[in-house]
Amino acid sequence: MGAASNSTFDYDAELSRYYQHLRAAMDVQPDDTVLDIGCGTGQTTREAAKLATQGSALGVDVSPAMVTRARQLAEGLHNVRFAEADAQVHPFEPEHFTLGVSRFGTMFFADPVKAFTNIRRALAPGARLVQLVWQGSDQQEWVAEINLALAGEIPEPATTGAFSLADPASVDGLLTSAGFVEVSVTEVREPVFYGVDADAAVNGVLALMMTSDLLTRLDAEETEQAVARLRSTMVKHTSTDGVWFDSRAWLITARR
């Protein structure tokens, strides 16, 4: 998803079903040196560090708040560290990392070729890059339902922001241009979690930037009606284990 306006939204919970796919594809080895791109609060980085018992993991993110929280959650892990850094331009140690990973953290680069070229330089020869990215916005139930509730319409398919890497052919060309080989794109379809109940889901969604952007166009009465519609939507998607929406992603692997 897009960036949150505050820390209320729990991305780790939202993406819990996807994480199992990423974890398996990462296949972290004991001596790996791992770079986690767009690490957020560091779940993937911590997991990598625990598996790389003779190696280490570095998580980078542009959000100071996320990096601060990641450091707090990683206290006690000796082989993990975090940096507030933009992977697009950060001067990583050349050919240092044996594995690059990202859980929905690579879609927001202003210059993707430049960014992935910089990441490729940081990877050792033969190192793998494993990432999850969203498929098109028209493949995401959460996009349609939230926009219907708050704006009364489903938006035109987006090709920027969270969905900038939605086209497999473009991704292949992009990574190849950046110097990667053996590019593979595999579909993954899992539901995303929005809260334990409708109220929690509404509160979480209201913290998202995409929601605030929609609501700024409305007056007070319209906002109240929109939030009521949003709650009805969350009720409709509530099951015994919380509020879930269908979604689709790509698991992309490549080699340096």
C-alpha atoms as a PDB file:
ATOM      1  CA  MET A   1       0.000   0.000   0.000  1.00  0.00           C
ATOM      2  CA  GLY A   2       0.925   3.629   0.027  1.00  0.00           C
ATOM      3  CA  ALA A   3       2.552   5.287   2.991  1.00  0.00           C
ATOM      4  CA  ALA A   4       0.480   5.756   6.089  1.00  0.00           C
ATOM      5  CA  SER A   5      -0.186   9.140   7.581  1.00  0.00           C
ATOM      6  CA  ASN A   6       0.675   7.702  10.977  1.00  0.00           C
ATOM      7  CA  SER A   7       1.751   4.390  12.477  1.00  0.00           C
ATOM      8  CA  THR A   8      -1.767   3.064  13.156  1.00  0.00           C
ATOM      9  CA  PHE A   9      -1.911   0.798  10.135  1.00  0.00           C
ATOM     10  CA  ASP A  10      -0.232  -2.569  10.764  1.00  0.00           C
ATOM     11  CA  TYR A  11       1.514  -3.560   7.541  1.00  0.00           C
ATOM     12  CA  ASP A  12       2.980  -6.712   9.058  1.00  0.00           C
ATOM     13  CA  ALA A  13      -0.521  -7.961   9.868  1.00  0.00           C
ATOM     14  CA  GLU A  14      -1.895  -6.799   6.510  1.00  0.00           C
ATOM     15  CA  LEU A  15       0.714  -8.778   4.582  1.00  0.00           C
ATOM     16  CA  SER A  16       0.943 -11.824   6.857  1.00  0.00           C
ATOM     17  CA  ARG A  17      -0.317 -14.271   4.205  1.00  0.00           C
ATOM     18  CA  TYR A  18       2.215 -12.964   1.695  1.00  0.00           C
ATOM     19  CA  TYR A  19       5.114 -13.198   4.103  1.00  0.00           C
ATOM     20  CA  GLN A  20       5.169 -16.993   3.965  1.00  0.00           C
ATOM     21  CA  HIS A  21       5.793 -16.813   0.201  1.00  0.00           C
ATOM     22  CA  LEU A  22       8.573 -14.259   0.578  1.00  0.00           C
ATOM     23  CA  ARG A  23      10.215 -16.211   3.389  1.00  0.00           C
ATOM     24  CA  ALA A  24      10.307 -19.382   1.308  1.00  0.00           C
ATOM     25  CA  ALA A  25      11.672 -17.591  -1.766  1.00  0.00           C
ATOM     26  CA  MET A  26      14.335 -15.777   0.264  1.00  0.00           C
ATOM     27  CA  ASP A  27      15.753 -19.109   1.428  1.00  0.00           C
ATOM     28  CA  VAL A  28      18.192 -17.336   3.739  1.00  0.00           C
ATOM     29  CA  GLN A  29      21.356 -19.342   4.391  1.00  0.00           C
ATOM     30  CA  PRO A  30      23.402 -19.215   7.630  1.00  0.00           C
ATOM     31  CA  ASP A  31      26.251 -17.227   6.046  1.00  0.00           C
ATOM     32  CA  ASP A  32      24.136 -14.787   4.005  1.00  0.00           C
ATOM     33  CA  THR A  33      24.604 -11.031   4.176  1.00  0.00           C
ATOM     34  CA  VAL A  34      21.117  -9.645   3.525  1.00  0.00           C
ATOM     35  CA  LEU A  35      19.934  -6.236   2.306  1.00  0.00           C
ATOM     36  CA  ASP A  36      16.241  -5.512   3.016  1.00  0.00           C
ATOM     37  CA  ILE A  37      14.989  -2.664   0.804  1.00  0.00           C
ATOM     38  CA  GLY A  38      12.096  -0.572   2.149  1.00  0.00           C
ATOM     39  CA  CYS A  39      12.232  -2.532   5.387  1.00  0.00           C
ATOM     40  CA  GLY A  40       9.456  -0.676   7.217  1.00  0.00           C
ATOM     41  CA  THR A  41       9.494  -1.737  10.865  1.00  0.00           C
ATOM     42  CA  GLY A  42      11.919  -4.528  10.049  1.00  0.00           C
ATOM     43  CA  GLN A  43       9.998  -7.811  10.201  1.00  0.00           C
ATOM     44  CA  THR A  44      11.752  -9.232   7.136  1.00  0.00           C
ATOM     45  CA  THR A  45      15.132  -7.900   8.283  1.00  0.00           C
ATOM     46  CA  ARG A  46      14.791  -9.517  11.713  1.00  0.00           C
ATOM     47  CA  GLU A  47      13.708 -12.809  10.203  1.00  0.00           C
ATOM     48  CA  ALA A  48      16.671 -12.764   7.827  1.00  0.00           C
ATOM     49  CA  ALA A  49      19.081 -11.984  10.661  1.00  0.00           C
ATOM     50  CA  LYS A  50      17.760 -14.895  12.736  1.00  0.00           C
ATOM     51  CA  LEU A  51      18.321 -17.271   9.822  1.00  0.00           C
ATOM     52  CA  ALA A  52      21.701 -15.819   8.828  1.00  0.00           C
ATOM     53  CA  THR A  53      23.292 -17.004  12.070  1.00  0.00           C
ATOM     54  CA  GLN A  54      26.819 -16.558  10.716  1.00  0.00           C
ATOM     55  CA  GLY A  55      25.942 -13.557   8.561  1.00  0.00           C
ATOM     56  CA  SER A  56      23.990 -10.326   9.019  1.00  0.00           C
ATOM     57  CA  ALA A  57      21.089  -8.230   7.769  1.00  0.00           C
ATOM     58  CA  LEU A  58      20.726  -4.529   7.002  1.00  0.00           C
ATOM     59  CA  GLY A  59      17.305  -2.930   6.616  1.00  0.00           C
ATOM     60  CA  VAL A  60      16.935   0.451   4.913  1.00  0.00           C
ATOM     61  CA  ASP A  61      13.890   2.692   4.718  1.00  0.00           C
ATOM     62  CA  VAL A  62      13.234   6.374   4.006  1.00  0.00           C
ATOM     63  CA  SER A  63      10.868   6.716   6.989  1.00  0.00           C
ATOM     64  CA  PRO A  64      12.598   7.860  10.200  1.00  0.00           C
ATOM     65  CA  ALA A  65       9.666   6.633  12.304  1.00  0.00           C
ATOM     66  CA  MET A  66       9.756   3.179  10.709  1.00  0.00           C
ATOM     67  CA  VAL A  67      13.520   2.862  11.184  1.00  0.00           C
ATOM     68  CA  THR A  68      13.262   3.953  14.819  1.00  0.00           C
ATOM     69  CA  ARG A  69      10.596   1.338  15.474  1.00  0.00           C
ATOM     70  CA  ALA A  70      12.603  -1.310  13.608  1.00  0.00           C
ATOM     71  CA  ARG A  71      15.576  -0.688  15.880  1.00  0.00           C
ATOM     72  CA  GLN A  72      13.398  -0.987  18.973  1.00  0.00           C
ATOM     73  CA  LEU A  73      11.912  -4.281  17.817  1.00  0.00           C
ATOM     74  CA  ALA A  74      15.350  -5.696  16.967  1.00  0.00           C
ATOM     75  CA  GLU A  75      16.900  -5.119  20.391  1.00  0.00           C
ATOM     76  CA  GLY A  76      18.830  -8.210  21.398  1.00  0.00           C
ATOM     77  CA  LEU A  77      19.649  -9.299  17.843  1.00  0.00           C
ATOM     78  CA  HIS A  78      23.399  -8.884  17.426  1.00  0.00           C
ATOM     79  CA  ASN A  79      23.620  -9.254  13.634  1.00  0.00           C
ATOM     80  CA  VAL A  80      20.972  -6.809  12.436  1.00  0.00           C
ATOM     81  CA  ARG A  81      21.092  -3.073  11.840  1.00  0.00           C
ATOM     82  CA  PHE A  82      18.921  -0.420  10.238  1.00  0.00           C
ATOM     83  CA  ALA A  83      19.597   2.780   8.333  1.00  0.00           C
ATOM     84  CA  GLU A  84      17.393   5.675   7.293  1.00  0.00           C
ATOM     85  CA  ALA A  85      18.402   5.626   3.656  1.00  0.00           C
ATOM     86  CA  ASP A  86      17.076   5.804   0.115  1.00  0.00           C
ATOM     87  CA  ALA A  87      18.152   2.622  -1.671  1.00  0.00           C
ATOM     88  CA  GLN A  88      17.972   4.554  -4.937  1.00  0.00           C
ATOM     89  CA  VAL A  89      21.086   6.572  -4.142  1.00  0.00           C
ATOM     90  CA  HIS A  90      22.595   5.248  -0.898  1.00  0.00           C
ATOM     91  CA  PRO A  91      26.332   4.483  -1.204  1.00  0.00           C
ATOM     92  CA  PHE A  92      26.196   0.826  -0.189  1.00  0.00           C
ATOM     93  CA  GLU A  93      29.445  -1.093   0.079  1.00  0.00           C
ATOM     94  CA  PRO A  94      29.992  -2.512  -3.436  1.00  0.00           C
ATOM     95  CA  GLU A  95      29.423  -6.238  -4.022  1.00  0.00           C
ATOM     96  CA  HIS A  96      28.783  -6.754  -0.312  1.00  0.00           C
ATOM     97  CA  PHE A  97      25.381  -8.448   0.020  1.00  0.00           C
ATOM     98  CA  THR A  98      24.677 -12.055  -0.959  1.00  0.00           C
ATOM     99  CA  LEU A  99      20.888 -11.578  -0.925  1.00  0.00           C
ATOM    100  CA  GLY A 100      18.627  -8.595  -1.601  1.00  0.00           C
ATOM    101  CA  VAL A 101      14.978  -8.733  -0.487  1.00  0.00           C
ATOM    102  CA  SER A 102      11.966  -6.449  -0.435  1.00  0.00           C
ATOM    103  CA  ARG A 103       8.399  -6.871   0.774  1.00  0.00           C
ATOM    104  CA  PHE A 104       6.429  -4.341  -1.270  1.00  0.00           C
ATOM    105  CA  GLY A 105       9.186  -1.754  -0.853  1.00  0.00           C
ATOM    106  CA  THR A 106      10.520  -1.201  -4.371  1.00  0.00           C
ATOM    107  CA  MET A 107       7.516   0.340  -6.167  1.00  0.00           C
ATOM    108  CA  PHE A 108       8.098   3.960  -5.185  1.00  0.00           C
ATOM    109  CA  PHE A 109      11.456   4.758  -6.793  1.00  0.00           C
ATOM    110  CA  ALA A 110      11.467   7.998  -8.789  1.00  0.00           C
ATOM    111  CA  ASP A 111      14.020   6.479 -11.186  1.00  0.00           C
ATOM    112  CA  PRO A 112      13.658   2.666 -11.089  1.00  0.00           C
ATOM    113  CA  VAL A 113      16.567   1.896 -13.427  1.00  0.00           C
ATOM    114  CA  LYS A 114      18.892   4.066 -11.349  1.00  0.00           C
ATOM    115  CA  ALA A 115      17.575   2.498  -8.147  1.00  0.00           C
ATOM    116  CA  PHE A 116      17.931  -1.110  -9.244  1.00  0.00           C
ATOM    117  CA  THR A 117      21.344  -0.373 -10.746  1.00  0.00           C
ATOM    118  CA  ASN A 118      22.437   0.955  -7.356  1.00  0.00           C
ATOM    119  CA  ILE A 119      21.012  -2.127  -5.647  1.00  0.00           C
ATOM    120  CA  ARG A 120      22.733  -4.412  -8.158  1.00  0.00           C
ATOM    121  CA  ARG A 121      26.087  -2.769  -7.409  1.00  0.00           C
ATOM    122  CA  ALA A 122      25.568  -3.535  -3.715  1.00  0.00           C
ATOM    123  CA  LEU A 123      25.040  -7.236  -4.422  1.00  0.00           C
ATOM    124  CA  ALA A 124      27.888  -9.705  -4.784  1.00  0.00           C
ATOM    125  CA  PRO A 125      28.286 -11.519  -8.112  1.00  0.00           C
ATOM    126  CA  GLY A 126      25.690 -14.284  -8.302  1.00  0.00           C
ATOM    127  CA  ALA A 127      23.606 -12.816  -5.464  1.00  0.00           C
ATOM    128  CA  ARG A 128      19.816 -13.090  -5.697  1.00  0.00           C
ATOM    129  CA  LEU A 129      17.211 -10.320  -5.522  1.00  0.00           C
ATOM    130  CA  VAL A 130      13.787 -11.416  -4.231  1.00  0.00           C
ATOM    131  CA  GLN A 131      10.850  -9.007  -4.038  1.00  0.00           C
ATOM    132  CA  LEU A 132       7.099  -8.856  -3.737  1.00  0.00           C
ATOM    133  CA  VAL A 133       5.221  -6.116  -5.614  1.00  0.00           C
ATOM    134  CA  TRP A 134       1.547  -5.478  -6.284  1.00  0.00           C
ATOM    135  CA  GLN A 135      -0.174  -6.495  -9.479  1.00  0.00           C
ATOM    136  CA  GLY A 136      -2.355  -3.854 -11.138  1.00  0.00           C
ATOM    137  CA  SER A 137      -4.763  -1.787  -9.076  1.00  0.00           C
ATOM    138  CA  ASP A 138      -7.640  -3.367 -11.003  1.00  0.00           C
ATOM    139  CA  GLN A 139      -6.611  -6.725  -9.480  1.00  0.00           C
ATOM    140  CA  GLN A 140      -6.935  -5.450  -5.896  1.00  0.00           C
ATOM    141  CA  GLU A 141     -10.274  -5.817  -4.138  1.00  0.00           C
ATOM    142  CA  TRP A 142      -9.131  -3.416  -1.409  1.00  0.00           C
ATOM    143  CA  VAL A 143      -8.603  -0.646  -3.978  1.00  0.00           C
ATOM    144  CA  ALA A 144     -12.064  -1.075  -5.488  1.00  0.00           C
ATOM    145  CA  GLU A 145     -13.927  -1.393  -2.195  1.00  0.00           C
ATOM    146  CA  ILE A 146     -12.245   1.471  -0.353  1.00  0.00           C
ATOM    147  CA  ASN A 147     -12.654   3.816  -3.315  1.00  0.00           C
ATOM    148  CA  LEU A 148     -16.296   2.812  -3.776  1.00  0.00           C
ATOM    149  CA  ALA A 149     -16.988   3.535  -0.121  1.00  0.00           C
ATOM    150  CA  LEU A 150     -15.163   6.855   0.079  1.00  0.00           C
ATOM    151  CA  ALA A 151     -15.404   8.250  -3.466  1.00  0.00           C
ATOM    152  CA  GLY A 152     -18.363   6.374  -4.933  1.00  0.00           C
ATOM    153  CA  GLU A 153     -16.376   5.005  -7.858  1.00  0.00           C
ATOM    154  CA  ILE A 154     -13.616   2.591  -8.801  1.00  0.00           C
ATOM    155  CA  PRO A 155     -10.557   4.489 -10.066  1.00  0.00           C
ATOM    156  CA  GLU A 156      -8.960   3.955 -13.443  1.00  0.00           C
ATOM    157  CA  PRO A 157      -6.110   1.401 -13.288  1.00  0.00           C
ATOM    158  CA  ALA A 158      -3.013   3.038 -11.851  1.00  0.00           C
ATOM    159  CA  THR A 159       0.474   2.648 -13.296  1.00  0.00           C
ATOM    160  CA  THR A 160       2.381   4.690 -10.730  1.00  0.00           C
ATOM    161  CA  GLY A 161       3.094   4.536  -7.012  1.00  0.00           C
ATOM    162  CA  ALA A 162       2.243   1.188  -5.443  1.00  0.00           C
ATOM    163  CA  PHE A 163       1.446  -0.243  -8.886  1.00  0.00           C
ATOM    164  CA  SER A 164       4.478   0.972 -10.834  1.00  0.00           C
ATOM    165  CA  LEU A 165       5.892  -2.570 -11.122  1.00  0.00           C
ATOM    166  CA  ALA A 166       2.616  -4.257 -12.034  1.00  0.00           C
ATOM    167  CA  ASP A 167       3.556  -5.125 -15.634  1.00  0.00           C
ATOM    168  CA  PRO A 168       5.826  -8.230 -15.796  1.00  0.00           C
ATOM    169  CA  ALA A 169       7.271  -7.358 -19.209  1.00  0.00           C
ATOM    170  CA  SER A 170       8.240  -3.891 -17.997  1.00  0.00           C
ATOM    171  CA  VAL A 171       9.773  -5.352 -14.842  1.00  0.00           C
ATOM    172  CA  ASP A 172      11.835  -7.795 -16.894  1.00  0.00           C
ATOM    173  CA  GLY A 173      13.110  -4.971 -19.085  1.00  0.00           C
ATOM    174  CA  LEU A 174      13.773  -2.739 -16.102  1.00  0.00           C
ATOM    175  CA  LEU A 175      15.798  -5.310 -14.156  1.00  0.00           C
ATOM    176  CA  THR A 176      17.670  -6.375 -17.288  1.00  0.00           C
ATOM    177  CA  SER A 177      18.572  -2.735 -17.976  1.00  0.00           C
ATOM    178  CA  ALA A 178      19.853  -2.479 -14.400  1.00  0.00           C
ATOM    179  CA  GLY A 179      22.177  -5.431 -14.957  1.00  0.00           C
ATOM    180  CA  PHE A 180      20.206  -8.352 -13.547  1.00  0.00           C
ATOM    181  CA  VAL A 181      19.784 -11.755 -15.206  1.00  0.00           C
ATOM    182  CA  GLU A 182      17.484 -14.746 -14.754  1.00  0.00           C
ATOM    183  CA  VAL A 183      14.448 -12.544 -14.076  1.00  0.00           C
ATOM    184  CA  SER A 184      11.390 -14.567 -13.039  1.00  0.00           C
ATOM    185  CA  VAL A 185       7.893 -13.261 -12.251  1.00  0.00           C
ATOM    186  CA  THR A 186       5.383 -15.536 -10.473  1.00  0.00           C
ATOM    187  CA  GLU A 187       1.810 -14.742  -9.471  1.00  0.00           C
ATOM    188  CA  VAL A 188       0.886 -14.891  -5.796  1.00  0.00           C
ATOM    189  CA  ARG A 189      -2.703 -14.425  -4.661  1.00  0.00           C
ATOM    190  CA  GLU A 190      -3.521 -13.988  -0.976  1.00  0.00           C
ATOM    191  CA  PRO A 191      -6.032 -11.988   1.067  1.00  0.00           C
ATOM    192  CA  VAL A 192      -4.803  -8.953   2.995  1.00  0.00           C
ATOM    193  CA  PHE A 193      -5.781  -8.316   6.618  1.00  0.00           C
ATOM    194  CA  TYR A 194      -7.315  -5.024   7.723  1.00  0.00           C
ATOM    195  CA  GLY A 195      -8.230  -5.562  11.360  1.00  0.00           C
ATOM    196  CA  VAL A 196      -9.719  -7.872  13.951  1.00  0.00           C
ATOM    197  CA  ASP A 197     -13.168  -6.351  13.395  1.00  0.00           C
ATOM    198  CA  ALA A 198     -14.912  -3.636  11.376  1.00  0.00           C
ATOM    199  CA  ASP A 199     -14.093  -0.824  13.794  1.00  0.00           C
ATOM    200  CA  ALA A 200     -10.401  -1.709  13.875  1.00  0.00           C
ATOM    201  CA  ALA A 201     -10.376  -1.928  10.081  1.00  0.00           C
ATOM    202  CA  VAL A 202     -11.980   1.509   9.692  1.00  0.00           C
ATOM    203  CA  ASN A 203      -9.456   3.042  12.092  1.00  0.00           C
ATOM    204  CA  GLY A 204      -6.602   1.423  10.205  1.00  0.00           C
ATOM    205  CA  VAL A 205      -7.817   2.548   6.801  1.00  0.00           C
ATOM    206  CA  LEU A 206      -8.378   6.105   7.999  1.00  0.00           C
ATOM    207  CA  ALA A 207      -4.653   6.248   8.813  1.00  0.00           C
ATOM    208  CA  LEU A 208      -3.694   5.613   5.196  1.00  0.00           C
ATOM    209  CA  MET A 209      -2.566   8.376   2.868  1.00  0.00           C
ATOM    210  CA  MET A 210      -4.808   7.090   0.078  1.00  0.00           C
ATOM    211  CA  THR A 211      -7.788   7.560   2.396  1.00  0.00           C
ATOM    212  CA  SER A 212      -6.852  11.048   3.536  1.00  0.00           C
ATOM    213  CA  ASP A 213      -6.393  12.055  -0.108  1.00  0.00           C
ATOM    214  CA  LEU A 214      -9.947  10.912  -0.868  1.00  0.00           C
ATOM    215  CA  LEU A 215     -11.489  12.531   2.208  1.00  0.00           C
ATOM    216  CA  THR A 216      -9.877  15.950   1.685  1.00  0.00           C
ATOM    217  CA  ARG A 217     -12.259  16.456  -1.252  1.00  0.00           C
ATOM    218  CA  LEU A 218     -15.331  16.098   1.004  1.00  0.00           C
ATOM    219  CA  ASP A 219     -17.058  18.433   3.431  1.00  0.00           C
ATOM    220  CA  ALA A 220     -17.874  17.371   7.000  1.00  0.00           C
ATOM    221  CA  GLU A 221     -21.263  15.827   6.207  1.00  0.00           C
ATOM    222  CA  GLU A 222     -19.937  13.986   3.156  1.00  0.00           C
ATOM    223  CA  THR A 223     -17.002  12.703   5.196  1.00  0.00           C
ATOM    224  CA  GLU A 224     -19.328  11.329   7.856  1.00  0.00           C
ATOM    225  CA  GLN A 225     -21.387   9.539   5.197  1.00  0.00           C
ATOM    226  CA  ALA A 226     -18.256   8.180   3.520  1.00  0.00           C
ATOM    227  CA  VAL A 227     -16.905   6.778   6.785  1.00  0.00           C
ATOM    228  CA  ALA A 228     -20.275   5.144   7.449  1.00  0.00           C
ATOM    229  CA  ARG A 229     -20.104   3.490   4.019  1.00  0.00           C
ATOM    230  CA  LEU A 230     -16.552   2.407   4.757  1.00  0.00           C
ATOM    231  CA  ARG A 231     -17.676   0.727   7.969  1.00  0.00           C
ATOM    232  CA  SER A 232     -20.429  -1.101   6.087  1.00  0.00           C
ATOM    233  CA  THR A 233     -17.802  -2.320   3.646  1.00  0.00           C
ATOM    234  CA  MET A 234     -15.649  -3.597   6.499  1.00  0.00           C
ATOM    235  CA  VAL A 235     -18.618  -5.395   8.033  1.00  0.00           C
ATOM    236  CA  LYS A 236     -19.245  -7.105   4.691  1.00  0.00           C
ATOM    237  CA  HIS A 237     -15.649  -8.354   4.626  1.00  0.00           C
ATOM    238  CA  THR A 238     -15.538  -9.521   8.238  1.00  0.00           C
ATOM    239  CA  SER A 239     -15.063 -13.233   8.867  1.00  0.00           C
ATOM    240  CA  THR A 240     -14.355 -15.254  12.005  1.00  0.00           C
ATOM    241  CA  ASP A 241     -10.678 -14.238  11.945  1.00  0.00           C
ATOM    242  CA  GLY A 242     -10.976 -10.570  11.006  1.00  0.00           C
ATOM    243  CA  VAL A 243     -11.462  -8.315   7.995  1.00  0.00           C
ATOM    244  CA  TRP A 244      -9.909  -9.534   4.737  1.00  0.00           C
ATOM    245  CA  PHE A 245      -9.767  -8.343   1.118  1.00  0.00           C
ATOM    246  CA  ASP A 246      -8.645 -10.236  -1.951  1.00  0.00           C
ATOM    247  CA  SER A 247      -5.389  -9.118  -3.580  1.00  0.00           C
ATOM    248  CA  ARG A 248      -2.784 -10.201  -6.103  1.00  0.00           C
ATOM    249  CA  ALA A 249       0.955  -9.716  -6.230  1.00  0.00           C
ATOM    250  CA  TRP A 250       4.046 -10.718  -8.172  1.00  0.00           C
ATOM    251  CA  LEU A 251       6.967 -12.556  -6.635  1.00  0.00           C
ATOM    252  CA  ILE A 252       9.975 -11.392  -8.632  1.00  0.00           C
ATOM    253  CA  THR A 253      13.381 -13.038  -8.484  1.00  0.00           C
ATOM    254  CA  ALA A 254      16.551 -12.132 -10.327  1.00  0.00           C
ATOM    255  CA  ARG A 255      20.295 -12.639 -10.080  1.00  0.00           C
ATOM    256  CA  ARG A 256      23.185 -10.204 -10.102  1.00  0.00           C
END
